[in-house]
Amino acid sequence: MSETHNSDELFQFPCEFPIKVMGKDEDNFEQLVIELVCPHAPEIGRDALHSRPSKGGKYLAVTVTLYAQSRTQLDAIYNSLSQHKRVLMAL
């Protein structure tokens, strides 16, 4: 018999939560990520970012680690990121 779990049970809020955002490494992509996340998590700053360029240098993976307060907050952040044309992927 398998148990079904509510996705909210997977995390206990508040908690530290990393979000990885990928896009082309141009026009200050890191700053764009901050601008998209900050309305939902105003306490984050540049020290919450860790960036890594792709092997060829065309893309940039930016990891933002924030102290998430709720599933609603995370959904809003992912929604903002996924709707922006410069964001290729948000995990």
PDB file of N, CA and C in Angstrom:
ATOM      1  N   MET A   1       0.847  -1.172   0.000  1.00  0.00           N
ATOM      2  CA  MET A   1       0.000   0.000   0.000  1.00  0.00           C
ATOM      3  C   MET A   1       0.894   1.237   0.000  1.00  0.00           C
ATOM      4  N   SER A   2       0.629   2.160  -0.883  1.00  0.00           N
ATOM      5  CA  SER A   2       1.436   3.383  -0.939  1.00  0.00           C
ATOM      6  C   SER A   2       0.704   4.516  -0.241  1.00  0.00           C
ATOM      7  N   GLU A   3       1.495   5.353   0.380  1.00  0.00           N
ATOM      8  CA  GLU A   3       0.927   6.519   1.056  1.00  0.00           C
ATOM      9  C   GLU A   3       1.062   7.732   0.158  1.00  0.00           C
ATOM     10  N   THR A   4       0.056   8.564   0.136  1.00  0.00           N
ATOM     11  CA  THR A   4       0.152   9.821  -0.592  1.00  0.00           C
ATOM     12  C   THR A   4       0.500  10.910   0.405  1.00  0.00           C
ATOM     13  N   HIS A   5       1.381  11.777  -0.015  1.00  0.00           N
ATOM     14  CA  HIS A   5       1.826  12.867   0.853  1.00  0.00           C
ATOM     15  C   HIS A   5       1.454  14.202   0.238  1.00  0.00           C
ATOM     16  N   ASN A   6       1.004  15.084   1.045  1.00  0.00           N
ATOM     17  CA  ASN A   6       0.743  16.453   0.627  1.00  0.00           C
ATOM     18  C   ASN A   6       2.088  17.132   0.410  1.00  0.00           C
ATOM     19  N   SER A   7       2.257  17.871  -0.688  1.00  0.00           N
ATOM     20  CA  SER A   7       3.543  18.511  -0.984  1.00  0.00           C
ATOM     21  C   SER A   7       3.964  19.488   0.115  1.00  0.00           C
ATOM     22  N   ASP A   8       3.009  20.054   0.842  1.00  0.00           N
ATOM     23  CA  ASP A   8       3.355  20.965   1.929  1.00  0.00           C
ATOM     24  C   ASP A   8       4.050  20.239   3.082  1.00  0.00           C
ATOM     25  N   GLU A   9       3.850  18.929   3.177  1.00  0.00           N
ATOM     26  CA  GLU A   9       4.476  18.165   4.236  1.00  0.00           C
ATOM     27  C   GLU A   9       5.949  17.896   3.960  1.00  0.00           C
ATOM     28  N   LEU A  10       6.400  18.099   2.739  1.00  0.00           N
ATOM     29  CA  LEU A  10       7.787  17.847   2.393  1.00  0.00           C
ATOM     30  C   LEU A  10       8.726  18.874   3.010  1.00  0.00           C
ATOM     31  N   PHE A  11       8.224  20.041   3.289  1.00  0.00           N
ATOM     32  CA  PHE A  11       9.028  21.115   3.865  1.00  0.00           C
ATOM     33  C   PHE A  11       8.370  21.616   5.142  1.00  0.00           C
ATOM     34  N   GLN A  12       9.203  21.966   6.086  1.00  0.00           N
ATOM     35  CA  GLN A  12       8.697  22.623   7.281  1.00  0.00           C
ATOM     36  C   GLN A  12       9.119  24.081   7.182  1.00  0.00           C
ATOM     37  N   PHE A  13       8.152  24.946   7.046  1.00  0.00           N
ATOM     38  CA  PHE A  13       8.430  26.374   6.919  1.00  0.00           C
ATOM     39  C   PHE A  13       8.439  27.018   8.286  1.00  0.00           C
ATOM     40  N   PRO A  14       9.265  28.028   8.461  1.00  0.00           N
ATOM     41  CA  PRO A  14      10.259  28.565   7.525  1.00  0.00           C
ATOM     42  C   PRO A  14      11.460  27.617   7.412  1.00  0.00           C
ATOM     43  N   CYS A  15      12.138  27.694   6.248  1.00  0.00           N
ATOM     44  CA  CYS A  15      13.311  26.862   6.012  1.00  0.00           C
ATOM     45  C   CYS A  15      14.231  27.522   4.982  1.00  0.00           C
ATOM     46  N   GLU A  16      15.483  27.114   5.006  1.00  0.00           N
ATOM     47  CA  GLU A  16      16.430  27.588   4.008  1.00  0.00           C
ATOM     48  C   GLU A  16      16.141  26.831   2.714  1.00  0.00           C
ATOM     49  N   PHE A  17      16.068  27.553   1.591  1.00  0.00           N
ATOM     50  CA  PHE A  17      15.645  26.936   0.340  1.00  0.00           C
ATOM     51  C   PHE A  17      16.457  27.502  -0.830  1.00  0.00           C
ATOM     52  N   PRO A  18      17.178  26.653  -1.561  1.00  0.00           N
ATOM     53  CA  PRO A  18      17.931  27.120  -2.736  1.00  0.00           C
ATOM     54  C   PRO A  18      17.070  27.047  -3.998  1.00  0.00           C
ATOM     55  N   ILE A  19      17.175  28.074  -4.814  1.00  0.00           N
ATOM     56  CA  ILE A  19      16.499  28.111  -6.111  1.00  0.00           C
ATOM     57  C   ILE A  19      17.562  28.339  -7.172  1.00  0.00           C
ATOM     58  N   LYS A  20      17.615  27.452  -8.165  1.00  0.00           N
ATOM     59  CA  LYS A  20      18.590  27.595  -9.244  1.00  0.00           C
ATOM     60  C   LYS A  20      17.889  28.178 -10.464  1.00  0.00           C
ATOM     61  N   VAL A  21      18.478  29.237 -11.012  1.00  0.00           N
ATOM     62  CA  VAL A  21      17.903  29.944 -12.150  1.00  0.00           C
ATOM     63  C   VAL A  21      18.937  29.960 -13.268  1.00  0.00           C
ATOM     64  N   MET A  22      18.523  29.582 -14.471  1.00  0.00           N
ATOM     65  CA  MET A  22      19.449  29.542 -15.595  1.00  0.00           C
ATOM     66  C   MET A  22      19.003  30.490 -16.700  1.00  0.00           C
ATOM     67  N   GLY A  23      20.003  31.131 -17.307  1.00  0.00           N
ATOM     68  CA  GLY A  23      19.746  32.041 -18.412  1.00  0.00           C
ATOM     69  C   GLY A  23      21.033  32.345 -19.145  1.00  0.00           C
ATOM     70  N   LYS A  24      20.935  33.105 -20.220  1.00  0.00           N
ATOM     71  CA  LYS A  24      22.133  33.509 -20.958  1.00  0.00           C
ATOM     72  C   LYS A  24      22.963  34.458 -20.104  1.00  0.00           C
ATOM     73  N   ASP A  25      24.268  34.282 -20.160  1.00  0.00           N
ATOM     74  CA  ASP A  25      25.181  35.104 -19.367  1.00  0.00           C
ATOM     75  C   ASP A  25      25.431  36.415 -20.098  1.00  0.00           C
ATOM     76  N   GLU A  26      24.429  37.298 -20.019  1.00  0.00           N
ATOM     77  CA  GLU A  26      24.536  38.615 -20.652  1.00  0.00           C
ATOM     78  C   GLU A  26      23.653  39.608 -19.908  1.00  0.00           C
ATOM     79  N   ASP A  27      23.946  40.878 -20.096  1.00  0.00           N
ATOM     80  CA  ASP A  27      23.149  41.974 -19.524  1.00  0.00           C
ATOM     81  C   ASP A  27      22.879  41.805 -18.030  1.00  0.00           C
ATOM     82  N   ASN A  28      23.923  41.431 -17.273  1.00  0.00           N
ATOM     83  CA  ASN A  28      23.844  41.321 -15.821  1.00  0.00           C
ATOM     84  C   ASN A  28      22.686  40.433 -15.364  1.00  0.00           C
ATOM     85  N   PHE A  29      22.733  39.167 -15.766  1.00  0.00           N
ATOM     86  CA  PHE A  29      21.694  38.196 -15.431  1.00  0.00           C
ATOM     87  C   PHE A  29      21.517  38.044 -13.920  1.00  0.00           C
ATOM     88  N   GLU A  30      22.610  38.115 -13.164  1.00  0.00           N
ATOM     89  CA  GLU A  30      22.508  38.014 -11.704  1.00  0.00           C
ATOM     90  C   GLU A  30      21.596  39.101 -11.132  1.00  0.00           C
ATOM     91  N   GLN A  31      21.750  40.321 -11.600  1.00  0.00           N
ATOM     92  CA  GLN A  31      20.929  41.430 -11.120  1.00  0.00           C
ATOM     93  C   GLN A  31      19.456  41.201 -11.463  1.00  0.00           C
ATOM     94  N   LEU A  32      19.196  40.665 -12.641  1.00  0.00           N
ATOM     95  CA  LEU A  32      17.819  40.357 -13.031  1.00  0.00           C
ATOM     96  C   LEU A  32      17.202  39.355 -12.055  1.00  0.00           C
ATOM     97  N   VAL A  33      17.954  38.330 -11.700  1.00  0.00           N
ATOM     98  CA  VAL A  33      17.440  37.326 -10.761  1.00  0.00           C
ATOM     99  C   VAL A  33      17.091  37.980  -9.427  1.00  0.00           C
ATOM    100  N   ILE A  34      17.959  38.835  -8.932  1.00  0.00           N
ATOM    101  CA  ILE A  34      17.683  39.550  -7.678  1.00  0.00           C
ATOM    102  C   ILE A  34      16.405  40.380  -7.805  1.00  0.00           C
ATOM    103  N   GLU A  35      16.257  41.088  -8.906  1.00  0.00           N
ATOM    104  CA  GLU A  35      15.076  41.938  -9.114  1.00  0.00           C
ATOM    105  C   GLU A  35      13.786  41.127  -9.182  1.00  0.00           C
ATOM    106  N   LEU A  36      13.857  39.898  -9.674  1.00  0.00           N
ATOM    107  CA  LEU A  36      12.664  39.063  -9.765  1.00  0.00           C
ATOM    108  C   LEU A  36      12.317  38.395  -8.434  1.00  0.00           C
ATOM    109  N   VAL A  37      13.318  38.092  -7.635  1.00  0.00           N
ATOM    110  CA  VAL A  37      13.092  37.405  -6.363  1.00  0.00           C
ATOM    111  C   VAL A  37      12.786  38.381  -5.224  1.00  0.00           C
ATOM    112  N   CYS A  38      13.432  39.530  -5.220  1.00  0.00           N
ATOM    113  CA  CYS A  38      13.310  40.501  -4.111  1.00  0.00           C
ATOM    114  C   CYS A  38      11.884  40.916  -3.739  1.00  0.00           C
ATOM    115  N   PRO A  39      10.973  41.114  -4.668  1.00  0.00           N
ATOM    116  CA  PRO A  39       9.618  41.489  -4.243  1.00  0.00           C
ATOM    117  C   PRO A  39       8.955  40.441  -3.340  1.00  0.00           C
ATOM    118  N   HIS A  40       9.409  39.200  -3.451  1.00  0.00           N
ATOM    119  CA  HIS A  40       8.828  38.113  -2.675  1.00  0.00           C
ATOM    120  C   HIS A  40       9.683  37.740  -1.463  1.00  0.00           C
ATOM    121  N   ALA A  41      10.952  38.143  -1.488  1.00  0.00           N
ATOM    122  CA  ALA A  41      11.883  37.855  -0.393  1.00  0.00           C
ATOM    123  C   ALA A  41      12.834  39.038  -0.254  1.00  0.00           C
ATOM    124  N   PRO A  42      12.349  40.148   0.289  1.00  0.00           N
ATOM    125  CA  PRO A  42      13.133  41.390   0.320  1.00  0.00           C
ATOM    126  C   PRO A  42      14.427  41.319   1.124  1.00  0.00           C
ATOM    127  N   GLU A  43      14.568  40.305   1.958  1.00  0.00           N
ATOM    128  CA  GLU A  43      15.769  40.209   2.784  1.00  0.00           C
ATOM    129  C   GLU A  43      16.988  39.679   2.037  1.00  0.00           C
ATOM    130  N   ILE A  44      16.806  39.148   0.822  1.00  0.00           N
ATOM    131  CA  ILE A  44      17.971  38.587   0.122  1.00  0.00           C
ATOM    132  C   ILE A  44      18.855  39.697  -0.423  1.00  0.00           C
ATOM    133  N   GLY A  45      20.117  39.385  -0.520  1.00  0.00           N
ATOM    134  CA  GLY A  45      21.093  40.310  -1.079  1.00  0.00           C
ATOM    135  C   GLY A  45      22.074  39.531  -1.934  1.00  0.00           C
ATOM    136  N   ARG A  46      23.065  40.209  -2.418  1.00  0.00           N
ATOM    137  CA  ARG A  46      24.066  39.555  -3.280  1.00  0.00           C
ATOM    138  C   ARG A  46      24.780  38.400  -2.588  1.00  0.00           C
ATOM    139  N   ASP A  47      24.889  38.464  -1.261  1.00  0.00           N
ATOM    140  CA  ASP A  47      25.559  37.380  -0.543  1.00  0.00           C
ATOM    141  C   ASP A  47      24.742  36.087  -0.563  1.00  0.00           C
ATOM    142  N   ALA A  48      23.484  36.139  -0.969  1.00  0.00           N
ATOM    143  CA  ALA A  48      22.632  34.957  -1.071  1.00  0.00           C
ATOM    144  C   ALA A  48      22.779  34.272  -2.427  1.00  0.00           C
ATOM    145  N   LEU A  49      23.592  34.867  -3.320  1.00  0.00           N
ATOM    146  CA  LEU A  49      23.762  34.334  -4.683  1.00  0.00           C
ATOM    147  C   LEU A  49      25.060  33.567  -4.832  1.00  0.00           C
ATOM    148  N   HIS A  50      24.980  32.541  -5.635  1.00  0.00           N
ATOM    149  CA  HIS A  50      26.169  31.811  -6.062  1.00  0.00           C
ATOM    150  C   HIS A  50      25.981  31.550  -7.552  1.00  0.00           C
ATOM    151  N   SER A  51      26.943  31.962  -8.370  1.00  0.00           N
ATOM    152  CA  SER A  51      26.812  31.823  -9.818  1.00  0.00           C
ATOM    153  C   SER A  51      27.888  30.921 -10.391  1.00  0.00           C
ATOM    154  N   ARG A  52      27.516  30.238 -11.468  1.00  0.00           N
ATOM    155  CA  ARG A  52      28.456  29.366 -12.150  1.00  0.00           C
ATOM    156  C   ARG A  52      28.183  29.425 -13.646  1.00  0.00           C
ATOM    157  N   PRO A  53      29.191  29.799 -14.451  1.00  0.00           N
ATOM    158  CA  PRO A  53      29.001  29.834 -15.895  1.00  0.00           C
ATOM    159  C   PRO A  53      29.006  28.424 -16.483  1.00  0.00           C
ATOM    160  N   SER A  54      28.365  28.287 -17.635  1.00  0.00           N
ATOM    161  CA  SER A  54      28.390  27.003 -18.334  1.00  0.00           C
ATOM    162  C   SER A  54      29.786  26.762 -18.890  1.00  0.00           C
ATOM    163  N   LYS A  55      30.021  25.554 -19.319  1.00  0.00           N
ATOM    164  CA  LYS A  55      31.332  25.167 -19.848  1.00  0.00           C
ATOM    165  C   LYS A  55      31.763  26.082 -20.987  1.00  0.00           C
ATOM    166  N   GLY A  56      30.855  26.420 -21.870  1.00  0.00           N
ATOM    167  CA  GLY A  56      31.169  27.285 -22.994  1.00  0.00           C
ATOM    168  C   GLY A  56      31.055  28.769 -22.688  1.00  0.00           C
ATOM    169  N   GLY A  57      30.542  29.107 -21.509  1.00  0.00           N
ATOM    170  CA  GLY A  57      30.434  30.503 -21.101  1.00  0.00           C
ATOM    171  C   GLY A  57      29.219  31.240 -21.632  1.00  0.00           C
ATOM    172  N   LYS A  58      28.339  30.541 -22.344  1.00  0.00           N
ATOM    173  CA  LYS A  58      27.166  31.201 -22.923  1.00  0.00           C
ATOM    174  C   LYS A  58      26.030  31.379 -21.900  1.00  0.00           C
ATOM    175  N   TYR A  59      25.966  30.467 -20.932  1.00  0.00           N
ATOM    176  CA  TYR A  59      24.875  30.474 -19.955  1.00  0.00           C
ATOM    177  C   TYR A  59      25.416  30.659 -18.551  1.00  0.00           C
ATOM    178  N   LEU A  60      24.519  31.079 -17.656  1.00  0.00           N
ATOM    179  CA  LEU A  60      24.888  31.280 -16.263  1.00  0.00           C
ATOM    180  C   LEU A  60      23.824  30.624 -15.393  1.00  0.00           C
ATOM    181  N   ALA A  61      24.279  29.839 -14.415  1.00  0.00           N
ATOM    182  CA  ALA A  61      23.382  29.257 -13.416  1.00  0.00           C
ATOM    183  C   ALA A  61      23.560  30.059 -12.135  1.00  0.00           C
ATOM    184  N   VAL A  62      22.483  30.634 -11.658  1.00  0.00           N
ATOM    185  CA  VAL A  62      22.508  31.450 -10.439  1.00  0.00           C
ATOM    186  C   VAL A  62      21.677  30.725  -9.389  1.00  0.00           C
ATOM    187  N   THR A  63      22.294  30.416  -8.262  1.00  0.00           N
ATOM    188  CA  THR A  63      21.563  29.808  -7.155  1.00  0.00           C
ATOM    189  C   THR A  63      21.320  30.873  -6.099  1.00  0.00           C
ATOM    190  N   VAL A  64      20.058  31.052  -5.755  1.00  0.00           N
ATOM    191  CA  VAL A  64      19.654  31.995  -4.713  1.00  0.00           C
ATOM    192  C   VAL A  64      19.194  31.165  -3.526  1.00  0.00           C
ATOM    193  N   THR A  65      19.826  31.355  -2.399  1.00  0.00           N
ATOM    194  CA  THR A  65      19.406  30.646  -1.196  1.00  0.00           C
ATOM    195  C   THR A  65      18.694  31.639  -0.294  1.00  0.00           C
ATOM    196  N   LEU A  66      17.438  31.343  -0.009  1.00  0.00           N
ATOM    197  CA  LEU A  66      16.636  32.249   0.803  1.00  0.00           C
ATOM    198  C   LEU A  66      16.010  31.494   1.962  1.00  0.00           C
ATOM    199  N   TYR A  67      15.512  32.237   2.903  1.00  0.00           N
ATOM    200  CA  TYR A  67      14.823  31.664   4.047  1.00  0.00           C
ATOM    201  C   TYR A  67      13.332  31.730   3.727  1.00  0.00           C
ATOM    202  N   ALA A  68      12.813  30.625   3.150  1.00  0.00           N
ATOM    203  CA  ALA A  68      11.427  30.595   2.685  1.00  0.00           C
ATOM    204  C   ALA A  68      10.452  30.539   3.853  1.00  0.00           C
ATOM    205  N   GLN A  69       9.410  31.343   3.753  1.00  0.00           N
ATOM    206  CA  GLN A  69       8.407  31.432   4.809  1.00  0.00           C
ATOM    207  C   GLN A  69       7.197  30.526   4.569  1.00  0.00           C
ATOM    208  N   SER A  70       6.907  30.223   3.278  1.00  0.00           N
ATOM    209  CA  SER A  70       5.721  29.427   2.968  1.00  0.00           C
ATOM    210  C   SER A  70       5.785  28.895   1.536  1.00  0.00           C
ATOM    211  N   ARG A  71       4.940  27.937   1.271  1.00  0.00           N
ATOM    212  CA  ARG A  71       4.810  27.386  -0.085  1.00  0.00           C
ATOM    213  C   ARG A  71       4.267  28.473  -1.020  1.00  0.00           C
ATOM    214  N   THR A  72       3.391  29.303  -0.529  1.00  0.00           N
ATOM    215  CA  THR A  72       2.831  30.401  -1.323  1.00  0.00           C
ATOM    216  C   THR A  72       3.937  31.345  -1.782  1.00  0.00           C
ATOM    217  N   GLN A  73       4.856  31.656  -0.894  1.00  0.00           N
ATOM    218  CA  GLN A  73       5.984  32.519  -1.245  1.00  0.00           C
ATOM    219  C   GLN A  73       6.828  31.877  -2.340  1.00  0.00           C
ATOM    220  N   LEU A  74       7.147  30.597  -2.196  1.00  0.00           N
ATOM    221  CA  LEU A  74       7.952  29.902  -3.216  1.00  0.00           C
ATOM    222  C   LEU A  74       7.225  29.852  -4.552  1.00  0.00           C
ATOM    223  N   ASP A  75       5.928  29.603  -4.536  1.00  0.00           N
ATOM    224  CA  ASP A  75       5.148  29.581  -5.778  1.00  0.00           C
ATOM    225  C   ASP A  75       5.196  30.933  -6.474  1.00  0.00           C
ATOM    226  N   ALA A  76       5.109  32.005  -5.714  1.00  0.00           N
ATOM    227  CA  ALA A  76       5.156  33.357  -6.293  1.00  0.00           C
ATOM    228  C   ALA A  76       6.528  33.632  -6.916  1.00  0.00           C
ATOM    229  N   ILE A  77       7.592  33.190  -6.254  1.00  0.00           N
ATOM    230  CA  ILE A  77       8.939  33.381  -6.791  1.00  0.00           C
ATOM    231  C   ILE A  77       9.107  32.603  -8.090  1.00  0.00           C
ATOM    232  N   TYR A  78       8.730  31.327  -8.075  1.00  0.00           N
ATOM    233  CA  TYR A  78       8.847  30.509  -9.288  1.00  0.00           C
ATOM    234  C   TYR A  78       7.992  31.069 -10.421  1.00  0.00           C
ATOM    235  N   ASN A  79       6.829  31.608 -10.106  1.00  0.00           N
ATOM    236  CA  ASN A  79       5.965  32.204 -11.110  1.00  0.00           C
ATOM    237  C   ASN A  79       6.636  33.421 -11.750  1.00  0.00           C
ATOM    238  N   SER A  80       7.205  34.296 -10.928  1.00  0.00           N
ATOM    239  CA  SER A  80       7.900  35.486 -11.447  1.00  0.00           C
ATOM    240  C   SER A  80       9.077  35.097 -12.331  1.00  0.00           C
ATOM    241  N   LEU A  81       9.852  34.109 -11.881  1.00  0.00           N
ATOM    242  CA  LEU A  81      11.012  33.678 -12.648  1.00  0.00           C
ATOM    243  C   LEU A  81      10.599  33.035 -13.971  1.00  0.00           C
ATOM    244  N   SER A  82       9.646  32.137 -13.928  1.00  0.00           N
ATOM    245  CA  SER A  82       9.269  31.397 -15.137  1.00  0.00           C
ATOM    246  C   SER A  82       8.571  32.265 -16.179  1.00  0.00           C
ATOM    247  N   GLN A  83       7.989  33.375 -15.769  1.00  0.00           N
ATOM    248  CA  GLN A  83       7.317  34.259 -16.718  1.00  0.00           C
ATOM    249  C   GLN A  83       8.265  35.211 -17.437  1.00  0.00           C
ATOM    250  N   HIS A  84       9.494  35.350 -16.930  1.00  0.00           N
ATOM    251  CA  HIS A  84      10.418  36.294 -17.555  1.00  0.00           C
ATOM    252  C   HIS A  84      11.094  35.654 -18.761  1.00  0.00           C
ATOM    253  N   LYS A  85      11.149  36.379 -19.864  1.00  0.00           N
ATOM    254  CA  LYS A  85      11.676  35.818 -21.119  1.00  0.00           C
ATOM    255  C   LYS A  85      13.163  35.481 -21.063  1.00  0.00           C
ATOM    256  N   ARG A  86      13.924  36.101 -20.177  1.00  0.00           N
ATOM    257  CA  ARG A  86      15.369  35.831 -20.096  1.00  0.00           C
ATOM    258  C   ARG A  86      15.693  34.611 -19.236  1.00  0.00           C
ATOM    259  N   VAL A  87      14.737  34.159 -18.459  1.00  0.00           N
ATOM    260  CA  VAL A  87      14.946  32.980 -17.615  1.00  0.00           C
ATOM    261  C   VAL A  87      14.605  31.740 -18.439  1.00  0.00           C
ATOM    262  N   LEU A  88      15.599  30.888 -18.630  1.00  0.00           N
ATOM    263  CA  LEU A  88      15.390  29.674 -19.395  1.00  0.00           C
ATOM    264  C   LEU A  88      14.842  28.548 -18.536  1.00  0.00           C
ATOM    265  N   MET A  89      15.234  28.525 -17.248  1.00  0.00           N
ATOM    266  CA  MET A  89      14.796  27.457 -16.363  1.00  0.00           C
ATOM    267  C   MET A  89      14.962  27.891 -14.920  1.00  0.00           C
ATOM    268  N   ALA A  90      14.027  27.463 -14.086  1.00  0.00           N
ATOM    269  CA  ALA A  90      14.115  27.706 -12.643  1.00  0.00           C
ATOM    270  C   ALA A  90      13.802  26.387 -11.940  1.00  0.00           C
ATOM    271  N   LEU A  91      14.722  25.973 -11.096  1.00  0.00           N
ATOM    272  CA  LEU A  91      14.567  24.689 -10.390  1.00  0.00           C
ATOM    273  C   LEU A  91      14.560  24.918  -8.895  1.00  0.00           C
TER     274      LEU A  91
END
